[in-house]
Every structure is written in structure tokens, then in C-alpha cells.
Amino acid sequence: MEIEIVEIENSKIAVVSNETNIATVRDATDLLGNADYQGADRIIVKEKNLDPQFFNLETGIAGEMLQKFSNYHKKLAIVGEFEKYNSNALNAFIVECNRGNSVFFVSDFEAAKKILK
């Protein structure tokens, strides 16, 4: 799993490479370990890095993965265009996440960096 470390105002942010696919809870755990090893406590993932099943809340994958980020005290920004998912449950989930302070769904990389700094 390839990541690039970006430093913003003394914070290390792990940015997941375009080629990385996060499909399982194990993949998420590997990402967390890799980021932690490199000293990052914040992570940026692109929508395309996540398996499409992540966005189907009925699978439970999103909940399991995001619980790992919470357990490891890592902030996460997911960058993408989420309007295309015609799911009221997903939309409500995104709104709730964005109200919190550990997982954020944002539209672009600059917004991700800003919210994670």
C-alpha cells in the first residue's frame, strides 16, 4: 500500500496513492499501520481508492473500516463526488460524519488538507 506523506503546519498527512485499492477491513488496517509507521495521524483517501461496496451501507464495510480509524485515533478525509450515490442512508451518514471530528467526506484535495490540519 503506497502512501505519500505531506506535512502541513507540523501535521503529517498520509495521502493514499491512486493505484491503491481499499476493499477490506484488513486493507484499512494495513493503511493505518503504514501511516502510523511513517508518523502520520491524518489520512486522505480518494473515493476511487475505496471498493464500491464501501458506499453501500448495507454491507457494513464502511462502518467496520471507519471504526478502525476511530479506534486508532486517526483522522480521515475521503475525497470524491458523493452526490452520484442515490442513497438517503449514505447521504445522512456523510452528513453525520462531517459533523464529527474524525471522518470527513469532502469534494477536493484542498478541502481535505484544510479540514485535517
C-alpha atoms as a PDB file:
ATOM      1  CA  MET A   1       0.000   0.000   0.000  1.00  0.00           C
ATOM      2  CA  GLU A   2       1.668   3.169  -1.185  1.00  0.00           C
ATOM      3  CA  ILE A   3       1.239   6.479   0.576  1.00  0.00           C
ATOM      4  CA  GLU A   4       2.893   9.854   0.312  1.00  0.00           C
ATOM      5  CA  ILE A   5       3.496  11.910   3.430  1.00  0.00           C
ATOM      6  CA  VAL A   6       2.573  15.602   3.193  1.00  0.00           C
ATOM      7  CA  GLU A   7       3.393  17.991   6.031  1.00  0.00           C
ATOM      8  CA  ILE A   8       1.014  20.848   6.779  1.00  0.00           C
ATOM      9  CA  GLU A   9       1.587  23.070   9.799  1.00  0.00           C
ATOM     10  CA  ASN A  10       3.548  20.405  11.706  1.00  0.00           C
ATOM     11  CA  SER A  11       0.997  17.693  10.898  1.00  0.00           C
ATOM     12  CA  LYS A  12       1.913  14.663   8.826  1.00  0.00           C
ATOM     13  CA  ILE A  13      -0.840  13.579   6.463  1.00  0.00           C
ATOM     14  CA  ALA A  14      -0.700  10.270   4.589  1.00  0.00           C
ATOM     15  CA  VAL A  15      -2.106  10.560   1.074  1.00  0.00           C
ATOM     16  CA  VAL A  16      -3.050   7.216  -0.458  1.00  0.00           C
ATOM     17  CA  SER A  17      -1.708   6.631  -3.981  1.00  0.00           C
ATOM     18  CA  ASN A  18      -4.108   6.446  -6.926  1.00  0.00           C
ATOM     19  CA  GLU A  19      -3.263   2.776  -7.533  1.00  0.00           C
ATOM     20  CA  THR A  20      -4.226   1.627  -4.045  1.00  0.00           C
ATOM     21  CA  ASN A  21      -7.481  -0.278  -3.596  1.00  0.00           C
ATOM     22  CA  ILE A  22      -9.030  -0.492  -0.136  1.00  0.00           C
ATOM     23  CA  ALA A  23     -11.623  -3.252  -0.297  1.00  0.00           C
ATOM     24  CA  THR A  24     -11.489  -4.955   3.095  1.00  0.00           C
ATOM     25  CA  VAL A  25     -11.135  -4.108   6.754  1.00  0.00           C
ATOM     26  CA  ARG A  26      -7.700  -5.734   6.531  1.00  0.00           C
ATOM     27  CA  ASP A  27      -6.736  -3.233   3.799  1.00  0.00           C
ATOM     28  CA  ALA A  28      -7.844  -0.379   6.062  1.00  0.00           C
ATOM     29  CA  THR A  29      -5.834  -1.814   8.957  1.00  0.00           C
ATOM     30  CA  ASP A  30      -2.766  -2.093   6.713  1.00  0.00           C
ATOM     31  CA  LEU A  31      -3.212   1.536   5.708  1.00  0.00           C
ATOM     32  CA  LEU A  32      -3.441   2.579   9.347  1.00  0.00           C
ATOM     33  CA  GLY A  33      -0.278   0.666  10.203  1.00  0.00           C
ATOM     34  CA  ASN A  34       1.626   2.123   7.270  1.00  0.00           C
ATOM     35  CA  ALA A  35       0.535   5.676   8.100  1.00  0.00           C
ATOM     36  CA  ASP A  36       1.378   5.199  11.773  1.00  0.00           C
ATOM     37  CA  TYR A  37       4.805   3.778  10.917  1.00  0.00           C
ATOM     38  CA  GLN A  38       5.523   6.905   8.883  1.00  0.00           C
ATOM     39  CA  GLY A  39       4.329   9.201  11.679  1.00  0.00           C
ATOM     40  CA  ALA A  40       1.047  10.340  10.104  1.00  0.00           C
ATOM     41  CA  ASP A  41      -2.036  10.753  12.260  1.00  0.00           C
ATOM     42  CA  ARG A  42      -4.202  12.027   9.418  1.00  0.00           C
ATOM     43  CA  ILE A  43      -5.060  10.251   6.172  1.00  0.00           C
ATOM     44  CA  ILE A  44      -6.514  11.301   2.822  1.00  0.00           C
ATOM     45  CA  VAL A  45      -8.206   8.636   0.702  1.00  0.00           C
ATOM     46  CA  LYS A  46      -9.804   9.216  -2.672  1.00  0.00           C
ATOM     47  CA  GLU A  47     -13.246   7.816  -3.401  1.00  0.00           C
ATOM     48  CA  LYS A  48     -11.743   5.721  -6.188  1.00  0.00           C
ATOM     49  CA  ASN A  49      -9.405   4.030  -3.678  1.00  0.00           C
ATOM     50  CA  LEU A  50     -12.419   2.547  -1.906  1.00  0.00           C
ATOM     51  CA  ASP A  51     -14.243  -0.513  -3.155  1.00  0.00           C
ATOM     52  CA  PRO A  52     -17.731   0.434  -4.408  1.00  0.00           C
ATOM     53  CA  GLN A  53     -19.233  -1.778  -1.674  1.00  0.00           C
ATOM     54  CA  PHE A  54     -17.951   0.757   0.868  1.00  0.00           C
ATOM     55  CA  PHE A  55     -20.670   3.136  -0.327  1.00  0.00           C
ATOM     56  CA  ASN A  56     -23.407   0.521   0.051  1.00  0.00           C
ATOM     57  CA  LEU A  57     -24.049   0.871   3.777  1.00  0.00           C
ATOM     58  CA  GLU A  58     -25.986  -2.395   3.872  1.00  0.00           C
ATOM     59  CA  THR A  59     -22.690  -4.292   3.516  1.00  0.00           C
ATOM     60  CA  GLY A  60     -21.368  -2.863   6.794  1.00  0.00           C
ATOM     61  CA  ILE A  61     -17.912  -2.371   5.278  1.00  0.00           C
ATOM     62  CA  ALA A  62     -17.912   1.407   5.765  1.00  0.00           C
ATOM     63  CA  GLY A  63     -18.844   1.100   9.414  1.00  0.00           C
ATOM     64  CA  GLU A  64     -16.201  -1.535  10.109  1.00  0.00           C
ATOM     65  CA  MET A  65     -13.459   0.379   8.296  1.00  0.00           C
ATOM     66  CA  LEU A  66     -14.282   3.734   9.852  1.00  0.00           C
ATOM     67  CA  GLN A  67     -14.423   2.147  13.308  1.00  0.00           C
ATOM     68  CA  LYS A  68     -10.779   1.125  12.802  1.00  0.00           C
ATOM     69  CA  PHE A  69      -9.821   4.731  12.093  1.00  0.00           C
ATOM     70  CA  SER A  70     -11.629   5.797  15.239  1.00  0.00           C
ATOM     71  CA  ASN A  71     -10.005   3.060  17.339  1.00  0.00           C
ATOM     72  CA  TYR A  72      -6.547   4.096  16.144  1.00  0.00           C
ATOM     73  CA  HIS A  73      -7.296   7.802  16.681  1.00  0.00           C
ATOM     74  CA  LYS A  74      -6.593   8.723  13.038  1.00  0.00           C
ATOM     75  CA  LYS A  75      -8.445  11.478  11.236  1.00  0.00           C
ATOM     76  CA  LEU A  76      -9.630  10.594   7.750  1.00  0.00           C
ATOM     77  CA  ALA A  77     -10.751  12.669   4.801  1.00  0.00           C
ATOM     78  CA  ILE A  78     -12.394  10.902   1.865  1.00  0.00           C
ATOM     79  CA  VAL A  79     -12.242  12.964  -1.317  1.00  0.00           C
ATOM     80  CA  GLY A  80     -14.826  12.411  -4.024  1.00  0.00           C
ATOM     81  CA  GLU A  81     -18.132  13.177  -5.668  1.00  0.00           C
ATOM     82  CA  PHE A  82     -20.692  11.544  -3.443  1.00  0.00           C
ATOM     83  CA  GLU A  83     -23.816  13.068  -4.979  1.00  0.00           C
ATOM     84  CA  LYS A  84     -23.877  10.287  -7.573  1.00  0.00           C
ATOM     85  CA  TYR A  85     -24.852   7.744  -4.941  1.00  0.00           C
ATOM     86  CA  ASN A  86     -28.633   7.814  -4.783  1.00  0.00           C
ATOM     87  CA  SER A  87     -28.874   6.695  -1.199  1.00  0.00           C
ATOM     88  CA  ASN A  88     -30.604   8.634   1.540  1.00  0.00           C
ATOM     89  CA  ALA A  89     -28.843   6.470   4.123  1.00  0.00           C
ATOM     90  CA  LEU A  90     -25.419   7.260   2.654  1.00  0.00           C
ATOM     91  CA  ASN A  91     -26.213  10.963   2.417  1.00  0.00           C
ATOM     92  CA  ALA A  92     -27.284  11.003   6.081  1.00  0.00           C
ATOM     93  CA  PHE A  93     -24.153   9.047   7.016  1.00  0.00           C
ATOM     94  CA  ILE A  94     -21.942  11.597   5.236  1.00  0.00           C
ATOM     95  CA  VAL A  95     -23.699  14.494   6.973  1.00  0.00           C
ATOM     96  CA  GLU A  96     -23.223  12.826  10.379  1.00  0.00           C
ATOM     97  CA  CYS A  97     -19.549  12.098   9.699  1.00  0.00           C
ATOM     98  CA  ASN A  98     -18.926  15.686   8.639  1.00  0.00           C
ATOM     99  CA  ARG A  99     -20.491  16.921  11.905  1.00  0.00           C
ATOM    100  CA  GLY A 100     -17.949  14.934  13.894  1.00  0.00           C
ATOM    101  CA  ASN A 101     -14.226  15.440  14.138  1.00  0.00           C
ATOM    102  CA  SER A 102     -12.610  12.272  12.850  1.00  0.00           C
ATOM    103  CA  VAL A 103     -14.061  11.294   9.437  1.00  0.00           C
ATOM    104  CA  PHE A 104     -14.872  13.788   6.704  1.00  0.00           C
ATOM    105  CA  PHE A 105     -16.285  13.472   3.197  1.00  0.00           C
ATOM    106  CA  VAL A 106     -15.055  16.367   1.038  1.00  0.00           C
ATOM    107  CA  SER A 107     -15.109  17.316  -2.614  1.00  0.00           C
ATOM    108  CA  ASP A 108     -11.436  18.088  -3.254  1.00  0.00           C
ATOM    109  CA  PHE A 109      -7.885  17.681  -2.018  1.00  0.00           C
ATOM    110  CA  GLU A 110      -7.591  21.273  -0.784  1.00  0.00           C
ATOM    111  CA  ALA A 111     -10.690  20.876   1.371  1.00  0.00           C
ATOM    112  CA  ALA A 112      -9.225  17.652   2.773  1.00  0.00           C
ATOM    113  CA  LYS A 113      -5.948  19.318   3.696  1.00  0.00           C
ATOM    114  CA  LYS A 114      -7.768  22.252   5.274  1.00  0.00           C
ATOM    115  CA  ILE A 115     -10.067  20.117   7.401  1.00  0.00           C
ATOM    116  CA  LEU A 116      -7.232  17.812   8.554  1.00  0.00           C
ATOM    117  CA  LYS A 117      -4.640  20.433   9.508  1.00  0.00           C
END
